[in-house]
Amino acid sequence: MQATRFETSIDFPVTSAALWDFHLRPEALEVLAPPFAGFEVLDRGTGVAEGSVLTMTVGRGPFRARWLALHCGVVPGREFHDVALDAPFPYWVHRHRVAPLGPAASRLTDTVWFVPPRWLPRALGASLTRVALRLLFAWRHRATRRWLSAHAEARCVSVRSTSLVASGGHS
């Protein structure tokens, strides 16, 4: 059984540490879940940590399915893998890789290897899954950009406020 590979990358105007830290936040799962996916976290495990298992459900109505994902291959600050232990796909590995592009820029590369659900003809299943992954990652990348931007602005406001209080100045 040969897996199909899907890969997408996006650059962010933040340090690789900030991009990595976003993925470690408990709310990152909800931020990254598009409303059309019917995603619900049941148990976060211990987060993005070697050996942690995430339990969730995905889909809607009769197409709702449980998904158990094992976090492994964790290289702090660089990458981690989600391996499906129980999912609609007989094989699913998602690698999240963060790479610095300079002092204030980074790249996120998502690579997914999958075998389509058995109830779909292989070629059709691979094609439909690729389309779904393009939509999913377009959503996730926009959501990540919005979250990073909002939190960068909040940090700037916080730093300015702290500086003004410390100096006794006004804006």
C-alpha atoms as a PDB file:
ATOM      1  CA  MET A   1       0.000   0.000   0.000  1.00  0.00           C
ATOM      2  CA  GLN A   2       1.742   3.157  -1.230  1.00  0.00           C
ATOM      3  CA  ALA A   3       0.855   6.464   0.400  1.00  0.00           C
ATOM      4  CA  THR A   4       0.050   9.651  -1.510  1.00  0.00           C
ATOM      5  CA  ARG A   5       2.064  12.729  -0.499  1.00  0.00           C
ATOM      6  CA  PHE A   6       0.642  16.247  -0.159  1.00  0.00           C
ATOM      7  CA  GLU A   7       2.796  19.234   0.814  1.00  0.00           C
ATOM      8  CA  THR A   8       2.217  22.937   1.272  1.00  0.00           C
ATOM      9  CA  SER A   9       4.345  25.753   2.733  1.00  0.00           C
ATOM     10  CA  ILE A  10       3.722  29.295   3.841  1.00  0.00           C
ATOM     11  CA  ASP A  11       6.025  32.048   5.118  1.00  0.00           C
ATOM     12  CA  PHE A  12       5.209  34.154   8.169  1.00  0.00           C
ATOM     13  CA  PRO A  13       6.704  37.480   9.316  1.00  0.00           C
ATOM     14  CA  VAL A  14       7.501  36.077  12.781  1.00  0.00           C
ATOM     15  CA  THR A  15      10.431  34.214  14.280  1.00  0.00           C
ATOM     16  CA  SER A  16      10.462  30.457  14.002  1.00  0.00           C
ATOM     17  CA  ALA A  17      10.242  30.371  17.821  1.00  0.00           C
ATOM     18  CA  ALA A  18       6.967  32.357  17.732  1.00  0.00           C
ATOM     19  CA  LEU A  19       5.566  30.081  15.018  1.00  0.00           C
ATOM     20  CA  TRP A  20       6.590  26.967  16.967  1.00  0.00           C
ATOM     21  CA  ASP A  21       5.155  28.355  20.213  1.00  0.00           C
ATOM     22  CA  PHE A  22       1.806  28.943  18.496  1.00  0.00           C
ATOM     23  CA  HIS A  23       1.558  25.209  17.738  1.00  0.00           C
ATOM     24  CA  LEU A  24       2.199  24.396  21.413  1.00  0.00           C
ATOM     25  CA  ARG A  25      -0.691  26.536  22.685  1.00  0.00           C
ATOM     26  CA  PRO A  26      -3.769  24.593  23.857  1.00  0.00           C
ATOM     27  CA  GLU A  27      -6.089  26.774  21.757  1.00  0.00           C
ATOM     28  CA  ALA A  28      -4.100  26.173  18.557  1.00  0.00           C
ATOM     29  CA  LEU A  29      -6.234  23.131  17.708  1.00  0.00           C
ATOM     30  CA  GLU A  30      -9.422  25.191  17.740  1.00  0.00           C
ATOM     31  CA  VAL A  31      -7.788  28.100  15.908  1.00  0.00           C
ATOM     32  CA  LEU A  32      -6.667  25.710  13.161  1.00  0.00           C
ATOM     33  CA  ALA A  33      -9.970  23.826  12.843  1.00  0.00           C
ATOM     34  CA  PRO A  34     -12.164  25.116  10.030  1.00  0.00           C
ATOM     35  CA  PRO A  35     -15.859  25.226  10.889  1.00  0.00           C
ATOM     36  CA  PHE A  36     -16.675  23.114   7.826  1.00  0.00           C
ATOM     37  CA  ALA A  37     -14.662  20.154   9.227  1.00  0.00           C
ATOM     38  CA  GLY A  38     -16.909  19.469  12.223  1.00  0.00           C
ATOM     39  CA  PHE A  39     -13.824  19.188  14.429  1.00  0.00           C
ATOM     40  CA  GLU A  40     -14.170  18.570  18.181  1.00  0.00           C
ATOM     41  CA  VAL A  41     -11.341  17.889  20.632  1.00  0.00           C
ATOM     42  CA  LEU A  42     -12.260  15.235  23.188  1.00  0.00           C
ATOM     43  CA  ASP A  43      -8.846  14.862  24.873  1.00  0.00           C
ATOM     44  CA  ARG A  44      -5.666  16.878  24.175  1.00  0.00           C
ATOM     45  CA  GLY A  45      -3.371  14.348  25.821  1.00  0.00           C
ATOM     46  CA  THR A  46      -0.257  16.219  26.948  1.00  0.00           C
ATOM     47  CA  GLY A  47      -0.167  18.488  23.886  1.00  0.00           C
ATOM     48  CA  VAL A  48       2.647  18.439  21.352  1.00  0.00           C
ATOM     49  CA  ALA A  49       4.875  16.068  23.308  1.00  0.00           C
ATOM     50  CA  GLU A  50       6.500  12.804  22.306  1.00  0.00           C
ATOM     51  CA  GLY A  51       4.006   9.977  22.804  1.00  0.00           C
ATOM     52  CA  SER A  52       1.001  12.185  23.545  1.00  0.00           C
ATOM     53  CA  VAL A  53      -2.293  11.057  21.999  1.00  0.00           C
ATOM     54  CA  LEU A  54      -4.926  13.519  20.827  1.00  0.00           C
ATOM     55  CA  THR A  55      -8.519  12.271  20.674  1.00  0.00           C
ATOM     56  CA  MET A  56     -10.990  14.150  18.492  1.00  0.00           C
ATOM     57  CA  THR A  57     -13.944  13.704  16.207  1.00  0.00           C
ATOM     58  CA  VAL A  58     -14.237  15.070  12.674  1.00  0.00           C
ATOM     59  CA  GLY A  59     -17.022  15.249  10.130  1.00  0.00           C
ATOM     60  CA  ARG A  60     -20.745  15.814  10.349  1.00  0.00           C
ATOM     61  CA  GLY A  61     -23.832  13.663  10.846  1.00  0.00           C
ATOM     62  CA  PRO A  62     -23.409  10.074   9.682  1.00  0.00           C
ATOM     63  CA  PHE A  63     -19.918  10.970   8.430  1.00  0.00           C
ATOM     64  CA  ARG A  64     -18.661  11.799  11.922  1.00  0.00           C
ATOM     65  CA  ALA A  65     -15.613   9.748  12.895  1.00  0.00           C
ATOM     66  CA  ARG A  66     -13.265   9.416  15.842  1.00  0.00           C
ATOM     67  CA  TRP A  67      -9.630  10.270  15.195  1.00  0.00           C
ATOM     68  CA  LEU A  68      -6.741   9.345  17.492  1.00  0.00           C
ATOM     69  CA  ALA A  69      -3.440  11.010  16.622  1.00  0.00           C
ATOM     70  CA  LEU A  70      -0.088  10.139  18.172  1.00  0.00           C
ATOM     71  CA  HIS A  71       2.426  12.984  18.455  1.00  0.00           C
ATOM     72  CA  CYS A  72       5.895  11.677  17.678  1.00  0.00           C
ATOM     73  CA  GLY A  73       9.134  12.699  16.018  1.00  0.00           C
ATOM     74  CA  VAL A  74       9.100  15.865  18.132  1.00  0.00           C
ATOM     75  CA  VAL A  75      12.175  18.004  17.545  1.00  0.00           C
ATOM     76  CA  PRO A  76      11.561  21.047  19.784  1.00  0.00           C
ATOM     77  CA  GLY A  77      11.433  24.264  17.805  1.00  0.00           C
ATOM     78  CA  ARG A  78      11.585  22.419  14.474  1.00  0.00           C
ATOM     79  CA  GLU A  79       9.004  19.695  13.769  1.00  0.00           C
ATOM     80  CA  PHE A  80       6.570  17.089  14.976  1.00  0.00           C
ATOM     81  CA  HIS A  81       4.421  14.390  13.412  1.00  0.00           C
ATOM     82  CA  ASP A  82       0.800  13.379  13.942  1.00  0.00           C
ATOM     83  CA  VAL A  83       0.297   9.702  13.157  1.00  0.00           C
ATOM     84  CA  ALA A  84      -3.289   8.463  12.935  1.00  0.00           C
ATOM     85  CA  LEU A  85      -3.839   5.499  15.232  1.00  0.00           C
ATOM     86  CA  ASP A  86      -7.565   5.348  14.568  1.00  0.00           C
ATOM     87  CA  ALA A  87      -9.031   7.400  11.712  1.00  0.00           C
ATOM     88  CA  PRO A  88     -11.100   7.101   8.538  1.00  0.00           C
ATOM     89  CA  PHE A  89      -7.774   6.806   6.669  1.00  0.00           C
ATOM     90  CA  PRO A  90      -5.910   3.502   6.954  1.00  0.00           C
ATOM     91  CA  TYR A  91      -2.634   5.472   6.831  1.00  0.00           C
ATOM     92  CA  TRP A  92      -2.114   9.123   7.761  1.00  0.00           C
ATOM     93  CA  VAL A  93       1.060  10.913   8.833  1.00  0.00           C
ATOM     94  CA  HIS A  94       1.174  14.712   9.081  1.00  0.00           C
ATOM     95  CA  ARG A  95       4.572  16.382   9.545  1.00  0.00           C
ATOM     96  CA  HIS A  96       4.575  19.991  10.779  1.00  0.00           C
ATOM     97  CA  ARG A  97       7.959  21.606  10.093  1.00  0.00           C
ATOM     98  CA  VAL A  98       9.032  25.105  11.175  1.00  0.00           C
ATOM     99  CA  ALA A  99      12.160  26.667   9.653  1.00  0.00           C
ATOM    100  CA  PRO A 100      13.730  30.074  10.207  1.00  0.00           C
ATOM    101  CA  LEU A 101      14.071  32.320   7.159  1.00  0.00           C
ATOM    102  CA  GLY A 102      15.883  35.116   8.970  1.00  0.00           C
ATOM    103  CA  PRO A 103      15.723  36.978  12.271  1.00  0.00           C
ATOM    104  CA  ALA A 104      12.004  37.796  11.936  1.00  0.00           C
ATOM    105  CA  ALA A 105      10.634  35.367   9.355  1.00  0.00           C
ATOM    106  CA  SER A 106       9.862  31.677   9.229  1.00  0.00           C
ATOM    107  CA  ARG A 107       8.320  29.004   7.038  1.00  0.00           C
ATOM    108  CA  LEU A 108       5.757  26.406   7.987  1.00  0.00           C
ATOM    109  CA  THR A 109       5.722  23.290   5.824  1.00  0.00           C
ATOM    110  CA  ASP A 110       2.934  20.760   6.246  1.00  0.00           C
ATOM    111  CA  THR A 111       3.462  17.376   4.628  1.00  0.00           C
ATOM    112  CA  VAL A 112       0.773  14.705   4.751  1.00  0.00           C
ATOM    113  CA  TRP A 113       1.212  11.111   3.601  1.00  0.00           C
ATOM    114  CA  PHE A 114      -2.092   9.269   3.354  1.00  0.00           C
ATOM    115  CA  VAL A 115      -3.935   6.288   1.956  1.00  0.00           C
ATOM    116  CA  PRO A 116      -7.560   7.150   1.134  1.00  0.00           C
ATOM    117  CA  PRO A 117     -10.423   5.461   2.986  1.00  0.00           C
ATOM    118  CA  ARG A 118     -10.976   1.899   1.765  1.00  0.00           C
ATOM    119  CA  TRP A 119     -14.568   2.590   0.705  1.00  0.00           C
ATOM    120  CA  LEU A 120     -13.353   5.002  -2.004  1.00  0.00           C
ATOM    121  CA  PRO A 121     -11.658   3.908  -5.229  1.00  0.00           C
ATOM    122  CA  ARG A 122      -7.955   4.725  -4.716  1.00  0.00           C
ATOM    123  CA  ALA A 123      -7.508   7.305  -7.522  1.00  0.00           C
ATOM    124  CA  LEU A 124     -10.757   9.088  -6.690  1.00  0.00           C
ATOM    125  CA  GLY A 125      -9.998   8.990  -2.959  1.00  0.00           C
ATOM    126  CA  ALA A 126      -6.518  10.432  -3.474  1.00  0.00           C
ATOM    127  CA  SER A 127      -7.882  13.194  -5.716  1.00  0.00           C
ATOM    128  CA  LEU A 128     -10.718  14.125  -3.327  1.00  0.00           C
ATOM    129  CA  THR A 129      -8.361  14.066  -0.344  1.00  0.00           C
ATOM    130  CA  ARG A 130      -5.889  16.395  -2.092  1.00  0.00           C
ATOM    131  CA  VAL A 131      -8.705  18.870  -2.827  1.00  0.00           C
ATOM    132  CA  ALA A 132      -9.858  18.681   0.803  1.00  0.00           C
ATOM    133  CA  LEU A 133      -6.294  19.174   2.043  1.00  0.00           C
ATOM    134  CA  ARG A 134      -5.818  22.267  -0.156  1.00  0.00           C
ATOM    135  CA  LEU A 135      -8.977  23.776   1.388  1.00  0.00           C
ATOM    136  CA  LEU A 136      -8.017  22.704   4.901  1.00  0.00           C
ATOM    137  CA  PHE A 137      -4.503  24.107   4.763  1.00  0.00           C
ATOM    138  CA  ALA A 138      -5.617  27.340   3.068  1.00  0.00           C
ATOM    139  CA  TRP A 139      -7.932  27.810   6.064  1.00  0.00           C
ATOM    140  CA  ARG A 140      -5.260  26.807   8.605  1.00  0.00           C
ATOM    141  CA  HIS A 141      -2.631  29.110   7.123  1.00  0.00           C
ATOM    142  CA  ARG A 142      -5.018  32.103   7.090  1.00  0.00           C
ATOM    143  CA  ALA A 143      -6.056  31.331  10.675  1.00  0.00           C
ATOM    144  CA  THR A 144      -2.423  31.059  11.781  1.00  0.00           C
ATOM    145  CA  ARG A 145      -1.593  34.376  10.112  1.00  0.00           C
ATOM    146  CA  ARG A 146      -4.584  36.085  11.792  1.00  0.00           C
ATOM    147  CA  TRP A 147      -3.708  34.677  15.211  1.00  0.00           C
ATOM    148  CA  LEU A 148      -0.007  35.589  14.959  1.00  0.00           C
ATOM    149  CA  SER A 149      -0.872  39.084  13.717  1.00  0.00           C
ATOM    150  CA  ALA A 150      -3.432  39.704  16.475  1.00  0.00           C
ATOM    151  CA  HIS A 151      -1.053  38.508  19.174  1.00  0.00           C
ATOM    152  CA  ALA A 152       1.859  40.522  17.776  1.00  0.00           C
ATOM    153  CA  GLU A 153      -0.343  43.646  17.945  1.00  0.00           C
ATOM    154  CA  ALA A 154      -1.418  42.773  21.500  1.00  0.00           C
ATOM    155  CA  ARG A 155       2.238  42.357  22.556  1.00  0.00           C
ATOM    156  CA  CYS A 156       3.103  45.751  21.014  1.00  0.00           C
ATOM    157  CA  VAL A 157       0.244  47.426  22.891  1.00  0.00           C
ATOM    158  CA  SER A 158       1.287  45.660  26.108  1.00  0.00           C
ATOM    159  CA  VAL A 159       4.934  46.686  25.673  1.00  0.00           C
ATOM    160  CA  ARG A 160       3.943  50.299  24.902  1.00  0.00           C
ATOM    161  CA  SER A 161       1.615  50.422  27.923  1.00  0.00           C
ATOM    162  CA  THR A 162       4.268  48.966  30.212  1.00  0.00           C
ATOM    163  CA  SER A 163       6.859  51.428  28.899  1.00  0.00           C
ATOM    164  CA  LEU A 164       4.531  54.380  29.387  1.00  0.00           C
ATOM    165  CA  VAL A 165       3.672  53.332  32.951  1.00  0.00           C
ATOM    166  CA  ALA A 166       7.340  52.767  33.800  1.00  0.00           C
ATOM    167  CA  SER A 167       8.374  56.147  32.384  1.00  0.00           C
ATOM    168  CA  GLY A 168       5.354  58.014  33.706  1.00  0.00           C
ATOM    169  CA  GLY A 169       4.661  59.197  30.148  1.00  0.00           C
ATOM    170  CA  HIS A 170       1.444  59.574  28.212  1.00  0.00           C
ATOM    171  CA  SER A 171       0.592  58.745  24.646  1.00  0.00           C
END
